[in-house]
Structures are given as structure tokens and as C-alpha cells.
């Protein structure tokens, strides 16, 4: 990622045939291939449909570390945000991807802090299939949230594609490409939790 020499995205496509396939992606970061500074060894998942299985690791400042959690810190069974707003739309897409609604509350601008307080990972870099949080601005005091569908780099600039509600009109879905800026925060489903398209 431009400007972040220690950040990189990798993906691996694993095909399945028949009824199911057992998958266990293991990721190691830093130090040497023989002795990783950090590793993530999630549990084996039986895959029966297409999904994204997030795995990441962070190099610890000292010692060995693992970033695997494997479960959503908290869950919710209903969408308690006001229908037609960006928060309602992002909550619906989070549910579609993770199987449960967001457990945090608040205006869009507060989502990163509120989700982080509940144990969700908040990243300063974009991730596919995460919620992008935009802070309040002079024209929008509530902030804005969007569902990230993909991330890429072009000519040294990072972009991400979003699906969002209430950007072009109340209760209307739209999609657009956003140029990454440091003001955005991203709520990421935990490593080891299958995230569906």
C-alpha cells in the first residue's frame, strides 16, 4: 500500500467441487519464513459456498503474537438503525456478509469508536468486505458509513469501491469508487470469520 510499506494485501482462491471442502489458511508475517514474528493459525472451516475468509497478522513489538479471534465479539439479531439511512444500509450489508447485524449503535461518525469499544478490529487501511467510516464534515454532521466491496492500487494511489445507502438520496442504494484518505476508518470482521459476498 503506498505510504504504508508494511501493509500489503494478498488473496488466494481455493476452488471446491462436490458438497464441501475443508480449508485452513495459515498466514505468517515478518522475520523469516522459518520463524515468523507473528502468525495466524485459524481453525479449519468446511466451505460449501463462495466466501472470503479473512486472515491477518501483525508483527508484535516483542515476542510472538497471533491475531486470530475467530468469532464476532458481539452480535445482534435485528437492524436497529433508521431505515433509509446509511447506517441502516451498512448494517444490512454487514448482516449479509457475516450472518448477524452490528451490535454497536450511534451515528455513522461514531461507528468506528463504538465498534472498537465492543472488541471489533478497527483498521486505518481499507479492507474488502468491511465497513468504511467517514467522520463528520461541515456539510454532514452525522458522518457516513459504506460497505467496501474491493480495494486496489493504481499509479501509487489506493482506491476502494463501496456500496452505500443515502448518498444519492434517502433510501437509495448507489455504488462509487473512493480514493483512500487517512480520515477513513474500517470496521473489519474478525480473522477466521467467513465473510460472504
Protein backbone atom coordinates (compact mmCIF):
# COMPACT_ATOMS: atom_id res chain seq x y z
CA UNK A 1 0.00 0.00 0.00
CA UNK A 2 1.51 3.37 -1.00
CA UNK A 3 2.78 5.29 2.02
CA UNK A 4 2.45 2.21 4.22
CA UNK A 5 5.47 0.00 3.42
CA UNK A 6 4.48 -2.63 5.98
CA UNK A 7 0.93 -3.08 4.67
CA UNK A 8 0.08 -5.49 1.87
CA UNK A 9 -2.94 -7.42 0.67
CA UNK A 10 -2.79 -10.95 -0.64
CA UNK A 11 -5.54 -13.24 -1.80
CA UNK A 12 -5.73 -16.89 -2.62
CA UNK A 13 -8.64 -18.51 -4.44
CA UNK A 14 -9.45 -22.06 -3.44
CA UNK A 15 -11.99 -23.91 -5.57
CA UNK A 16 -14.26 -26.60 -4.27
CA UNK A 17 -16.14 -29.37 -6.01
CA UNK A 18 -18.87 -31.59 -4.72
CA UNK A 19 -20.55 -30.80 -1.45
CA UNK A 20 -17.74 -29.30 0.66
CA UNK A 21 -14.03 -28.60 1.07
CA UNK A 22 -12.05 -28.19 4.30
CA UNK A 23 -9.87 -25.06 4.28
CA UNK A 24 -7.31 -23.76 6.79
CA UNK A 25 -5.33 -20.74 5.57
CA UNK A 26 -2.21 -20.11 7.65
CA UNK A 27 -0.51 -16.72 7.40
CA UNK A 28 2.86 -15.68 8.78
CA UNK A 29 4.29 -12.17 8.87
CA UNK A 30 7.70 -10.67 9.49
CA UNK A 31 11.10 -12.00 10.47
CA UNK A 32 11.97 -15.07 8.36
CA UNK A 33 9.97 -17.79 6.58
CA UNK A 34 11.40 -20.28 9.08
CA UNK A 35 10.42 -18.23 12.15
CA UNK A 36 7.58 -15.76 11.77
CA UNK A 37 7.32 -12.76 14.05
CA UNK A 38 3.56 -13.23 14.07
CA UNK A 39 1.32 -15.97 12.80
CA UNK A 40 -2.36 -16.61 12.41
CA UNK A 41 -3.46 -20.25 12.51
CA UNK A 42 -7.25 -20.24 12.30
CA UNK A 43 -9.43 -23.28 12.71
CA UNK A 44 -10.38 -25.41 9.72
CA UNK A 45 -13.61 -24.34 8.02
CA UNK A 46 -15.79 -26.57 5.89
CA UNK A 47 -16.57 -24.50 2.82
CA UNK A 48 -19.83 -25.14 0.95
CA UNK A 49 -20.16 -21.84 -0.92
CA UNK A 50 -18.07 -18.92 -2.11
CA UNK A 51 -16.82 -16.65 0.65
CA UNK A 52 -13.93 -14.52 1.89
CA UNK A 53 -12.08 -15.95 4.87
CA UNK A 54 -10.14 -13.03 6.35
CA UNK A 55 -6.79 -13.86 7.91
CA UNK A 56 -4.20 -11.32 9.03
CA UNK A 57 -1.27 -10.94 11.34
CA UNK A 58 0.60 -8.03 12.86
CA UNK A 59 4.25 -8.03 13.78
CA UNK A 60 4.37 -7.64 17.55
CA UNK A 61 6.81 -5.20 19.13
CA UNK A 62 8.28 -8.05 21.16
CA UNK A 63 7.77 -11.76 21.49
CA UNK A 64 5.42 -13.88 19.42
CA UNK A 65 1.85 -12.95 18.65
CA UNK A 66 -1.28 -14.15 16.96
CA UNK A 67 -4.17 -12.04 15.73
CA UNK A 68 -6.74 -14.79 15.42
CA UNK A 69 -10.06 -14.44 17.22
CA UNK A 70 -12.40 -16.49 15.06
CA UNK A 71 -15.72 -15.17 16.37
CA UNK A 72 -17.63 -11.92 16.19
CA UNK A 73 -17.11 -10.17 19.56
CA UNK A 74 -20.83 -9.36 19.87
CA UNK A 75 -23.88 -9.99 17.70
CA UNK A 76 -27.35 -8.62 17.20
CA UNK A 77 -30.48 -10.21 15.73
CA UNK A 78 -32.09 -7.09 14.26
CA UNK A 79 -31.26 -3.90 12.40
CA UNK A 80 -31.97 -1.17 14.92
CA UNK A 81 -30.88 1.74 12.70
CA UNK A 82 -33.36 4.08 10.99
CA UNK A 83 -34.46 2.63 7.64
CA UNK A 84 -33.29 4.56 4.60
CA UNK A 85 -30.17 5.99 6.23
CA UNK A 86 -26.57 4.99 5.52
CA UNK A 87 -26.32 3.24 8.89
CA UNK A 88 -29.31 1.03 8.10
CA UNK A 89 -27.84 0.13 4.70
CA UNK A 90 -24.40 -0.68 6.08
CA UNK A 91 -25.98 -2.80 8.82
CA UNK A 92 -27.90 -4.79 6.19
CA UNK A 93 -24.73 -5.48 4.19
CA UNK A 94 -22.81 -6.43 7.37
CA UNK A 95 -25.61 -8.92 8.14
CA UNK A 96 -25.48 -10.33 4.61
CA UNK A 97 -21.72 -10.78 4.92
CA UNK A 98 -21.36 -12.05 8.49
CA UNK A 99 -24.76 -13.54 9.32
CA UNK A 100 -25.56 -11.09 12.12
CA UNK A 101 -26.36 -7.41 12.48
CA UNK A 102 -23.90 -4.93 14.05
CA UNK A 103 -24.09 -4.89 17.84
CA UNK A 104 -22.91 -1.29 18.22
CA UNK A 105 -25.07 1.82 17.96
CA UNK A 106 -24.75 5.55 17.28
CA UNK A 107 -24.46 7.94 14.36
CA UNK A 108 -22.23 6.99 11.44
CA UNK A 109 -19.36 9.19 12.66
CA UNK A 110 -19.26 7.20 15.93
CA UNK A 111 -19.28 3.69 14.46
CA UNK A 112 -15.53 3.08 14.50
CA UNK A 113 -15.16 4.08 18.16
CA UNK A 114 -18.32 2.25 19.24
CA UNK A 115 -17.44 -0.95 17.36
CA UNK A 116 -13.87 -0.80 18.67
CA UNK A 117 -15.17 -0.50 22.23
CA UNK A 118 -17.02 -3.78 21.69
CA UNK A 119 -13.89 -5.59 20.55
CA UNK A 120 -14.13 -5.29 16.76
CA UNK A 121 -10.95 -4.60 14.81
CA UNK A 122 -10.70 -1.01 13.57
CA UNK A 123 -8.18 -0.53 10.78
CA UNK A 124 -6.64 2.58 9.31
CA UNK A 125 -6.29 0.88 5.92
CA UNK A 126 -9.13 -0.31 3.66
CA UNK A 127 -10.21 -3.94 3.61
CA UNK A 128 -12.59 -5.60 1.19
CA UNK A 129 -15.83 -6.59 2.90
CA UNK A 130 -15.54 -4.13 5.75
CA UNK A 131 -17.44 -1.00 6.78
CA UNK A 132 -15.79 2.30 5.89
CA UNK A 133 -16.50 5.09 8.38
CA UNK A 134 -16.25 8.71 7.29
CA UNK A 135 -16.11 11.34 10.06
CA UNK A 136 -18.43 14.29 10.38
CA UNK A 137 -17.83 17.20 8.00
CA UNK A 138 -19.05 20.77 7.71
CA UNK A 139 -21.80 19.57 5.36
CA UNK A 140 -22.65 16.32 7.20
CA UNK A 141 -22.54 16.42 10.99
CA UNK A 142 -23.57 12.75 11.29
CA UNK A 143 -20.72 11.27 9.23
CA UNK A 144 -21.27 8.45 6.73
CA UNK A 145 -20.75 4.67 6.53
CA UNK A 146 -20.28 2.49 3.44
CA UNK A 147 -19.71 -1.18 2.66
CA UNK A 148 -16.35 -1.82 0.96
CA UNK A 149 -16.55 -4.35 -1.88
CA UNK A 150 -12.93 -4.25 -3.10
CA UNK A 151 -9.60 -2.43 -2.72
CA UNK A 152 -6.84 -1.81 -5.26
CA UNK A 153 -3.83 0.37 -6.02
CA UNK A 154 -3.44 2.25 -9.30
CA UNK A 155 -0.47 4.50 -10.14
CA UNK A 156 0.57 4.64 -6.49
CA UNK A 157 -2.90 5.61 -5.23
CA UNK A 158 -5.17 3.37 -3.13
CA UNK A 159 -8.85 3.17 -4.06
CA UNK A 160 -11.80 1.25 -2.70
CA UNK A 161 -15.22 0.52 -4.18
CA UNK A 162 -18.28 0.97 -1.96
CA UNK A 163 -21.97 0.16 -1.90
CA UNK A 164 -23.92 2.64 0.19
CA UNK A 165 -27.35 3.94 1.09
CA UNK A 166 -28.50 7.57 1.27
CA UNK A 167 -25.55 9.04 -0.66
CA UNK A 168 -27.60 9.99 -3.74
CA UNK A 169 -30.95 10.24 -1.98
CA UNK A 170 -32.84 8.92 1.01
CA UNK A 171 -33.41 5.15 0.92
CA UNK A 172 -31.50 4.81 -2.36
CA UNK A 173 -28.62 2.39 -2.99
CA UNK A 174 -25.62 3.50 -5.03
CA UNK A 175 -22.03 2.47 -5.76
CA UNK A 176 -18.90 4.51 -6.33
CA UNK A 177 -15.12 4.47 -6.20
CA UNK A 178 -13.48 6.30 -3.29
CA UNK A 179 -9.88 7.48 -3.14
CA UNK A 180 -8.35 6.42 0.16
CA UNK A 181 -7.62 9.15 2.71
CA UNK A 182 -6.37 8.76 6.27
CA UNK A 183 -9.63 10.17 7.65
CA UNK A 184 -11.41 6.88 6.88
CA UNK A 185 -11.56 4.06 9.42
CA UNK A 186 -12.62 0.50 8.65
CA UNK A 187 -14.59 -1.95 10.82
CA UNK A 188 -13.27 -5.40 9.89
CA UNK A 189 -14.89 -8.76 10.69
CA UNK A 190 -12.50 -10.84 12.80
CA UNK A 191 -9.98 -13.13 11.18
CA UNK A 192 -11.39 -16.61 10.82
CA UNK A 193 -14.99 -15.45 10.37
CA UNK A 194 -16.23 -16.33 6.87
CA UNK A 195 -17.47 -13.19 5.09
CA UNK A 196 -19.88 -13.72 2.24
CA UNK A 197 -20.19 -11.60 -0.89
